[in-house]
Amino acid sequence: MPISAFAIYVLAAVAEIAGCFAFWAWLKLDKPIWWLVPGMAPGSSP
């Protein structure tokens, strides 16, 4: 069963938000440096 374009769009949006939040949490909330990994994952940023 192929994934619909809407599902791909939603997954991309969630990945983008998670990557941005991870960077913000590292910068402002003093989270460990490994929180930057989701922000650097392929597909999570343009």
C-alpha atoms as a PDB file:
ATOM      1  CA  MET A   1       0.000   0.000   0.000  1.00  0.00           C
ATOM      2  CA  PRO A   2       1.613   3.283  -1.075  1.00  0.00           C
ATOM      3  CA  ILE A   3       1.807   6.189   1.321  1.00  0.00           C
ATOM      4  CA  SER A   4      -0.367   9.121   0.346  1.00  0.00           C
ATOM      5  CA  ALA A   5       1.075  12.530  -0.404  1.00  0.00           C
ATOM      6  CA  PHE A   6      -0.776  13.937   2.612  1.00  0.00           C
ATOM      7  CA  ALA A   7       0.891  11.419   4.959  1.00  0.00           C
ATOM      8  CA  ILE A   8       4.321  12.300   3.566  1.00  0.00           C
ATOM      9  CA  TYR A   9       3.577  16.004   4.035  1.00  0.00           C
ATOM     10  CA  VAL A  10       2.512  15.437   7.650  1.00  0.00           C
ATOM     11  CA  LEU A  11       5.616  13.345   8.401  1.00  0.00           C
ATOM     12  CA  ALA A  12       7.877  15.996   6.853  1.00  0.00           C
ATOM     13  CA  ALA A  13       6.197  18.718   8.915  1.00  0.00           C
ATOM     14  CA  VAL A  14       6.627  16.743  12.139  1.00  0.00           C
ATOM     15  CA  ALA A  15      10.296  16.087  11.327  1.00  0.00           C
ATOM     16  CA  GLU A  16      10.874  19.793  10.640  1.00  0.00           C
ATOM     17  CA  ILE A  17       9.245  20.849  13.902  1.00  0.00           C
ATOM     18  CA  ALA A  18      11.132  18.199  15.879  1.00  0.00           C
ATOM     19  CA  GLY A  19      14.452  19.311  14.412  1.00  0.00           C
ATOM     20  CA  CYS A  20      13.782  22.960  15.189  1.00  0.00           C
ATOM     21  CA  PHE A  21      12.633  22.133  18.711  1.00  0.00           C
ATOM     22  CA  ALA A  22      15.719  20.007  19.317  1.00  0.00           C
ATOM     23  CA  PHE A  23      17.994  22.892  18.389  1.00  0.00           C
ATOM     24  CA  TRP A  24      15.977  25.339  20.498  1.00  0.00           C
ATOM     25  CA  ALA A  25      15.989  22.972  23.491  1.00  0.00           C
ATOM     26  CA  TRP A  26      19.757  22.565  23.248  1.00  0.00           C
ATOM     27  CA  LEU A  27      20.282  26.307  22.966  1.00  0.00           C
ATOM     28  CA  LYS A  28      17.763  27.626  25.502  1.00  0.00           C
ATOM     29  CA  LEU A  29      17.045  24.734  27.878  1.00  0.00           C
ATOM     30  CA  ASP A  30      20.642  23.513  28.273  1.00  0.00           C
ATOM     31  CA  LYS A  31      19.889  20.041  26.921  1.00  0.00           C
ATOM     32  CA  PRO A  32      22.815  17.763  26.022  1.00  0.00           C
ATOM     33  CA  ILE A  33      24.542  18.232  22.657  1.00  0.00           C
ATOM     34  CA  TRP A  34      23.082  14.949  21.349  1.00  0.00           C
ATOM     35  CA  TRP A  35      19.718  16.760  21.132  1.00  0.00           C
ATOM     36  CA  LEU A  36      21.099  18.309  17.929  1.00  0.00           C
ATOM     37  CA  VAL A  37      21.087  14.921  16.170  1.00  0.00           C
ATOM     38  CA  PRO A  38      17.399  15.101  15.112  1.00  0.00           C
ATOM     39  CA  GLY A  39      18.004  18.590  13.764  1.00  0.00           C
ATOM     40  CA  MET A  40      20.789  17.313  11.537  1.00  0.00           C
ATOM     41  CA  ALA A  41      18.926  14.220  10.318  1.00  0.00           C
ATOM     42  CA  PRO A  42      18.380  14.044   6.557  1.00  0.00           C
ATOM     43  CA  GLY A  43      14.988  15.320   5.559  1.00  0.00           C
ATOM     44  CA  SER A  44      14.357  17.318   8.692  1.00  0.00           C
ATOM     45  CA  SER A  45      15.540  20.596   7.180  1.00  0.00           C
ATOM     46  CA  PRO A  46      15.713  22.052   3.671  1.00  0.00           C
END
